[in-house]
Amino acid sequence: MDAASMKSVASESKLEREIERCRQEMAEIEREILAGHPDVAGLCLALHDWAQELRILEREREEWMSGS
């Protein structure tokens, strides 16, 4: 595998890890909300932020996979 291919695989792997982290963070926030955490507004804001980050990363992944 040449250097460009290795870099591409590493970039894809990093992107997938970042996407998974967003999903994990969102799941944890949802658990905290459902468990009755008192700062619902703050958790909703955090959930929104992570959801936005996930959308950005998924868009990047789509662009990367389409070769754009």
PDB file of N, CA and C in Angstrom:
ATOM      1  N   MET A   1       0.861  -1.181   0.000  1.00  0.00           N
ATOM      2  CA  MET A   1       0.000   0.000   0.000  1.00  0.00           C
ATOM      3  C   MET A   1       0.899   1.233   0.000  1.00  0.00           C
ATOM      4  N   ASP A   2       0.601   2.166  -0.916  1.00  0.00           N
ATOM      5  CA  ASP A   2       1.430   3.365  -0.983  1.00  0.00           C
ATOM      6  C   ASP A   2       1.052   4.357   0.112  1.00  0.00           C
ATOM      7  N   ALA A   3       1.856   5.383   0.254  1.00  0.00           N
ATOM      8  CA  ALA A   3       1.670   6.351   1.342  1.00  0.00           C
ATOM      9  C   ALA A   3       0.324   7.067   1.250  1.00  0.00           C
ATOM     10  N   ALA A   4      -0.102   7.406   0.043  1.00  0.00           N
ATOM     11  CA  ALA A   4      -1.385   8.095  -0.116  1.00  0.00           C
ATOM     12  C   ALA A   4      -2.544   7.202   0.314  1.00  0.00           C
ATOM     13  N   SER A   5      -2.459   5.917  -0.034  1.00  0.00           N
ATOM     14  CA  SER A   5      -3.511   4.972   0.363  1.00  0.00           C
ATOM     15  C   SER A   5      -3.539   4.793   1.866  1.00  0.00           C
ATOM     16  N   MET A   6      -2.381   4.721   2.481  1.00  0.00           N
ATOM     17  CA  MET A   6      -2.302   4.561   3.935  1.00  0.00           C
ATOM     18  C   MET A   6      -2.878   5.789   4.626  1.00  0.00           C
ATOM     19  N   LYS A   7      -2.575   6.968   4.099  1.00  0.00           N
ATOM     20  CA  LYS A   7      -3.106   8.209   4.679  1.00  0.00           C
ATOM     21  C   LYS A   7      -4.625   8.247   4.543  1.00  0.00           C
ATOM     22  N   SER A   8      -5.129   7.799   3.411  1.00  0.00           N
ATOM     23  CA  SER A   8      -6.562   7.781   3.172  1.00  0.00           C
ATOM     24  C   SER A   8      -7.265   6.836   4.142  1.00  0.00           C
ATOM     25  N   VAL A   9      -6.708   5.662   4.359  1.00  0.00           N
ATOM     26  CA  VAL A   9      -7.276   4.693   5.300  1.00  0.00           C
ATOM     27  C   VAL A   9      -7.234   5.259   6.714  1.00  0.00           C
ATOM     28  N   ALA A  10      -6.143   5.912   7.073  1.00  0.00           N
ATOM     29  CA  ALA A  10      -6.022   6.508   8.404  1.00  0.00           C
ATOM     30  C   ALA A  10      -7.054   7.620   8.587  1.00  0.00           C
ATOM     31  N   SER A  11      -7.276   8.420   7.553  1.00  0.00           N
ATOM     32  CA  SER A  11      -8.270   9.491   7.628  1.00  0.00           C
ATOM     33  C   SER A  11      -9.667   8.922   7.792  1.00  0.00           C
ATOM     34  N   GLU A  12      -9.973   7.874   7.041  1.00  0.00           N
ATOM     35  CA  GLU A  12     -11.286   7.242   7.150  1.00  0.00           C
ATOM     36  C   GLU A  12     -11.480   6.656   8.543  1.00  0.00           C
ATOM     37  N   SER A  13     -10.456   6.017   9.064  1.00  0.00           N
ATOM     38  CA  SER A  13     -10.528   5.416  10.395  1.00  0.00           C
ATOM     39  C   SER A  13     -10.747   6.486  11.463  1.00  0.00           C
ATOM     40  N   LYS A  14     -10.045   7.595  11.348  1.00  0.00           N
ATOM     41  CA  LYS A  14     -10.209   8.692  12.309  1.00  0.00           C
ATOM     42  C   LYS A  14     -11.620   9.256  12.236  1.00  0.00           C
ATOM     43  N   LEU A  15     -12.127   9.426  11.042  1.00  0.00           N
ATOM     44  CA  LEU A  15     -13.473   9.942  10.850  1.00  0.00           C
ATOM     45  C   LEU A  15     -14.501   8.997  11.482  1.00  0.00           C
ATOM     46  N   GLU A  16     -14.336   7.704  11.280  1.00  0.00           N
ATOM     47  CA  GLU A  16     -15.262   6.727  11.869  1.00  0.00           C
ATOM     48  C   GLU A  16     -15.188   6.760  13.400  1.00  0.00           C
ATOM     49  N   ARG A  17     -13.988   6.925  13.956  1.00  0.00           N
ATOM     50  CA  ARG A  17     -13.852   7.030  15.420  1.00  0.00           C
ATOM     51  C   ARG A  17     -14.554   8.272  15.950  1.00  0.00           C
ATOM     52  N   GLU A  18     -14.431   9.383  15.227  1.00  0.00           N
ATOM     53  CA  GLU A  18     -15.086  10.624  15.654  1.00  0.00           C
ATOM     54  C   GLU A  18     -16.606  10.491  15.580  1.00  0.00           C
ATOM     55  N   ILE A  19     -17.101   9.820  14.544  1.00  0.00           N
ATOM     56  CA  ILE A  19     -18.541   9.581  14.423  1.00  0.00           C
ATOM     57  C   ILE A  19     -19.023   8.724  15.581  1.00  0.00           C
ATOM     58  N   GLU A  20     -18.293   7.680  15.887  1.00  0.00           N
ATOM     59  CA  GLU A  20     -18.679   6.803  17.000  1.00  0.00           C
ATOM     60  C   GLU A  20     -18.650   7.554  18.325  1.00  0.00           C
ATOM     61  N   ARG A  21     -17.672   8.421  18.511  1.00  0.00           N
ATOM     62  CA  ARG A  21     -17.620   9.212  19.749  1.00  0.00           C
ATOM     63  C   ARG A  21     -18.859  10.090  19.888  1.00  0.00           C
ATOM     64  N   CYS A  22     -19.269  10.722  18.797  1.00  0.00           N
ATOM     65  CA  CYS A  22     -20.493  11.544  18.830  1.00  0.00           C
ATOM     66  C   CYS A  22     -21.679  10.696  19.270  1.00  0.00           C
ATOM     67  N   ARG A  23     -21.800   9.527  18.681  1.00  0.00           N
ATOM     68  CA  ARG A  23     -22.933   8.656  19.029  1.00  0.00           C
ATOM     69  C   ARG A  23     -22.886   8.240  20.495  1.00  0.00           C
ATOM     70  N   GLN A  24     -21.691   7.945  20.989  1.00  0.00           N
ATOM     71  CA  GLN A  24     -21.556   7.559  22.399  1.00  0.00           C
ATOM     72  C   GLN A  24     -21.898   8.722  23.322  1.00  0.00           C
ATOM     73  N   GLU A  25     -21.427   9.904  22.994  1.00  0.00           N
ATOM     74  CA  GLU A  25     -21.723  11.085  23.812  1.00  0.00           C
ATOM     75  C   GLU A  25     -23.222  11.363  23.832  1.00  0.00           C
ATOM     76  N   MET A  26     -23.859  11.240  22.677  1.00  0.00           N
ATOM     77  CA  MET A  26     -25.295  11.469  22.599  1.00  0.00           C
ATOM     78  C   MET A  26     -26.067  10.437  23.423  1.00  0.00           C
ATOM     79  N   ALA A  27     -25.643   9.190  23.350  1.00  0.00           N
ATOM     80  CA  ALA A  27     -26.310   8.138  24.120  1.00  0.00           C
ATOM     81  C   ALA A  27     -26.168   8.392  25.620  1.00  0.00           C
ATOM     82  N   GLU A  28     -24.997   8.842  26.046  1.00  0.00           N
ATOM     83  CA  GLU A  28     -24.779   9.136  27.466  1.00  0.00           C
ATOM     84  C   GLU A  28     -25.660  10.296  27.917  1.00  0.00           C
ATOM     85  N   ILE A  29     -25.758  11.327  27.110  1.00  0.00           N
ATOM     86  CA  ILE A  29     -26.611  12.469  27.455  1.00  0.00           C
ATOM     87  C   ILE A  29     -28.065  12.021  27.557  1.00  0.00           C
ATOM     88  N   GLU A  30     -28.497  11.207  26.613  1.00  0.00           N
ATOM     89  CA  GLU A  30     -29.877  10.707  26.654  1.00  0.00           C
ATOM     90  C   GLU A  30     -30.125   9.899  27.935  1.00  0.00           C
ATOM     91  N   ARG A  31     -29.151   9.093  28.335  1.00  0.00           N
ATOM     92  CA  ARG A  31     -29.281   8.323  29.583  1.00  0.00           C
ATOM     93  C   ARG A  31     -29.415   9.257  30.783  1.00  0.00           C
ATOM     94  N   GLU A  32     -28.608  10.313  30.787  1.00  0.00           N
ATOM     95  CA  GLU A  32     -28.669  11.263  31.900  1.00  0.00           C
ATOM     96  C   GLU A  32     -30.026  11.974  31.957  1.00  0.00           C
ATOM     97  N   ILE A  33     -30.552  12.348  30.813  1.00  0.00           N
ATOM     98  CA  ILE A  33     -31.866  12.991  30.778  1.00  0.00           C
ATOM     99  C   ILE A  33     -32.930  12.035  31.311  1.00  0.00           C
ATOM    100  N   LEU A  34     -32.918  10.811  30.813  1.00  0.00           N
ATOM    101  CA  LEU A  34     -33.911   9.821  31.233  1.00  0.00           C
ATOM    102  C   LEU A  34     -33.764   9.436  32.705  1.00  0.00           C
ATOM    103  N   ALA A  35     -32.562   9.586  33.253  1.00  0.00           N
ATOM    104  CA  ALA A  35     -32.334   9.267  34.661  1.00  0.00           C
ATOM    105  C   ALA A  35     -32.756  10.403  35.579  1.00  0.00           C
ATOM    106  N   GLY A  36     -33.191  11.520  34.984  1.00  0.00           N
ATOM    107  CA  GLY A  36     -33.688  12.619  35.799  1.00  0.00           C
ATOM    108  C   GLY A  36     -32.661  13.655  36.185  1.00  0.00           C
ATOM    109  N   HIS A  37     -31.596  13.759  35.431  1.00  0.00           N
ATOM    110  CA  HIS A  37     -30.578  14.779  35.719  1.00  0.00           C
ATOM    111  C   HIS A  37     -31.247  16.144  35.784  1.00  0.00           C
ATOM    112  N   PRO A  38     -30.916  16.976  36.764  1.00  0.00           N
ATOM    113  CA  PRO A  38     -31.612  18.258  36.941  1.00  0.00           C
ATOM    114  C   PRO A  38     -31.331  19.309  35.854  1.00  0.00           C
ATOM    115  N   ASP A  39     -30.215  19.207  35.158  1.00  0.00           N
ATOM    116  CA  ASP A  39     -29.876  20.227  34.161  1.00  0.00           C
ATOM    117  C   ASP A  39     -30.339  19.797  32.769  1.00  0.00           C
ATOM    118  N   VAL A  40     -31.643  19.692  32.595  1.00  0.00           N
ATOM    119  CA  VAL A  40     -32.189  19.244  31.319  1.00  0.00           C
ATOM    120  C   VAL A  40     -31.834  20.222  30.201  1.00  0.00           C
ATOM    121  N   ALA A  41     -31.932  21.512  30.458  1.00  0.00           N
ATOM    122  CA  ALA A  41     -31.629  22.504  29.426  1.00  0.00           C
ATOM    123  C   ALA A  41     -30.169  22.386  28.957  1.00  0.00           C
ATOM    124  N   GLY A  42     -29.271  22.246  29.905  1.00  0.00           N
ATOM    125  CA  GLY A  42     -27.861  22.103  29.549  1.00  0.00           C
ATOM    126  C   GLY A  42     -27.594  20.824  28.777  1.00  0.00           C
ATOM    127  N   LEU A  43     -28.238  19.749  29.184  1.00  0.00           N
ATOM    128  CA  LEU A  43     -28.063  18.478  28.485  1.00  0.00           C
ATOM    129  C   LEU A  43     -28.655  18.529  27.087  1.00  0.00           C
ATOM    130  N   CYS A  44     -29.786  19.201  26.942  1.00  0.00           N
ATOM    131  CA  CYS A  44     -30.384  19.345  25.608  1.00  0.00           C
ATOM    132  C   CYS A  44     -29.472  20.154  24.693  1.00  0.00           C
ATOM    133  N   LEU A  45     -28.861  21.185  25.235  1.00  0.00           N
ATOM    134  CA  LEU A  45     -27.908  21.973  24.452  1.00  0.00           C
ATOM    135  C   LEU A  45     -26.716  21.112  24.028  1.00  0.00           C
ATOM    136  N   ALA A  46     -26.200  20.327  24.959  1.00  0.00           N
ATOM    137  CA  ALA A  46     -25.080  19.434  24.641  1.00  0.00           C
ATOM    138  C   ALA A  46     -25.490  18.407  23.592  1.00  0.00           C
ATOM    139  N   LEU A  47     -26.695  17.867  23.723  1.00  0.00           N
ATOM    140  CA  LEU A  47     -27.196  16.892  22.759  1.00  0.00           C
ATOM    141  C   LEU A  47     -27.299  17.528  21.374  1.00  0.00           C
ATOM    142  N   HIS A  48     -27.781  18.745  21.323  1.00  0.00           N
ATOM    143  CA  HIS A  48     -27.864  19.468  20.056  1.00  0.00           C
ATOM    144  C   HIS A  48     -26.477  19.659  19.442  1.00  0.00           C
ATOM    145  N   ASP A  49     -25.522  20.061  20.251  1.00  0.00           N
ATOM    146  CA  ASP A  49     -24.156  20.276  19.758  1.00  0.00           C
ATOM    147  C   ASP A  49     -23.564  18.992  19.179  1.00  0.00           C
ATOM    148  N   TRP A  50     -23.731  17.874  19.898  1.00  0.00           N
ATOM    149  CA  TRP A  50     -23.197  16.602  19.419  1.00  0.00           C
ATOM    150  C   TRP A  50     -23.916  16.151  18.152  1.00  0.00           C
ATOM    151  N   ALA A  51     -25.214  16.404  18.071  1.00  0.00           N
ATOM    152  CA  ALA A  51     -25.970  16.036  16.875  1.00  0.00           C
ATOM    153  C   ALA A  51     -25.471  16.833  15.667  1.00  0.00           C
ATOM    154  N   GLN A  52     -25.193  18.106  15.876  1.00  0.00           N
ATOM    155  CA  GLN A  52     -24.649  18.937  14.799  1.00  0.00           C
ATOM    156  C   GLN A  52     -23.282  18.420  14.359  1.00  0.00           C
ATOM    157  N   GLU A  53     -22.444  18.084  15.323  1.00  0.00           N
ATOM    158  CA  GLU A  53     -21.115  17.546  15.001  1.00  0.00           C
ATOM    159  C   GLU A  53     -21.248  16.247  14.208  1.00  0.00           C
ATOM    160  N   LEU A  54     -22.183  15.405  14.614  1.00  0.00           N
ATOM    161  CA  LEU A  54     -22.404  14.148  13.903  1.00  0.00           C
ATOM    162  C   LEU A  54     -22.833  14.404  12.462  1.00  0.00           C
ATOM    163  N   ARG A  55     -23.723  15.355  12.238  1.00  0.00           N
ATOM    164  CA  ARG A  55     -24.145  15.684  10.875  1.00  0.00           C
ATOM    165  C   ARG A  55     -22.965  16.141  10.028  1.00  0.00           C
ATOM    166  N   ILE A  56     -22.120  16.967  10.601  1.00  0.00           N
ATOM    167  CA  ILE A  56     -20.940  17.457   9.879  1.00  0.00           C
ATOM    168  C   ILE A  56     -20.029  16.291   9.493  1.00  0.00           C
ATOM    169  N   LEU A  57     -19.768  15.422  10.454  1.00  0.00           N
ATOM    170  CA  LEU A  57     -18.877  14.289  10.193  1.00  0.00           C
ATOM    171  C   LEU A  57     -19.472  13.319   9.176  1.00  0.00           C
ATOM    172  N   GLU A  58     -20.767  13.074   9.274  1.00  0.00           N
ATOM    173  CA  GLU A  58     -21.396  12.174   8.311  1.00  0.00           C
ATOM    174  C   GLU A  58     -21.365  12.775   6.907  1.00  0.00           C
ATOM    175  N   ARG A  59     -21.525  14.081   6.807  1.00  0.00           N
ATOM    176  CA  ARG A  59     -21.418  14.754   5.507  1.00  0.00           C
ATOM    177  C   ARG A  59     -19.993  14.619   4.965  1.00  0.00           C
ATOM    178  N   GLU A  60     -19.009  14.793   5.829  1.00  0.00           N
ATOM    179  CA  GLU A  60     -17.611  14.623   5.404  1.00  0.00           C
ATOM    180  C   GLU A  60     -17.373  13.206   4.912  1.00  0.00           C
ATOM    181  N   ARG A  61     -17.935  12.224   5.635  1.00  0.00           N
ATOM    182  CA  ARG A  61     -17.759  10.831   5.227  1.00  0.00           C
ATOM    183  C   ARG A  61     -18.400  10.591   3.865  1.00  0.00           C
ATOM    184  N   GLU A  62     -19.590  11.125   3.624  1.00  0.00           N
ATOM    185  CA  GLU A  62     -20.264  10.969   2.329  1.00  0.00           C
ATOM    186  C   GLU A  62     -19.425  11.581   1.216  1.00  0.00           C
ATOM    187  N   GLU A  63     -18.884  12.769   1.469  1.00  0.00           N
ATOM    188  CA  GLU A  63     -18.042  13.430   0.465  1.00  0.00           C
ATOM    189  C   GLU A  63     -16.773  12.625   0.217  1.00  0.00           C
ATOM    190  N   TRP A  64     -16.193  12.091   1.270  1.00  0.00           N
ATOM    191  CA  TRP A  64     -14.967  11.306   1.137  1.00  0.00           C
ATOM    192  C   TRP A  64     -15.249  10.044   0.320  1.00  0.00           C
ATOM    193  N   MET A  65     -16.386   9.394   0.608  1.00  0.00           N
ATOM    194  CA  MET A  65     -16.704   8.147  -0.087  1.00  0.00           C
ATOM    195  C   MET A  65     -17.072   8.381  -1.551  1.00  0.00           C
ATOM    196  N   SER A  66     -17.616   9.547  -1.851  1.00  0.00           N
ATOM    197  CA  SER A  66     -17.980   9.842  -3.242  1.00  0.00           C
ATOM    198  C   SER A  66     -16.790  10.382  -4.028  1.00  0.00           C
ATOM    199  N   GLY A  67     -15.711  10.659  -3.316  1.00  0.00           N
ATOM    200  CA  GLY A  67     -14.503  11.140  -3.977  1.00  0.00           C
ATOM    201  C   GLY A  67     -14.479  12.613  -4.265  1.00  0.00           C
ATOM    202  N   SER A  68     -15.391  13.349  -3.635  1.00  0.00           N
ATOM    203  CA  SER A  68     -15.462  14.801  -3.873  1.00  0.00           C
ATOM    204  C   SER A  68     -14.387  15.527  -3.128  1.00  0.00           C
TER     205      SER A  68
END
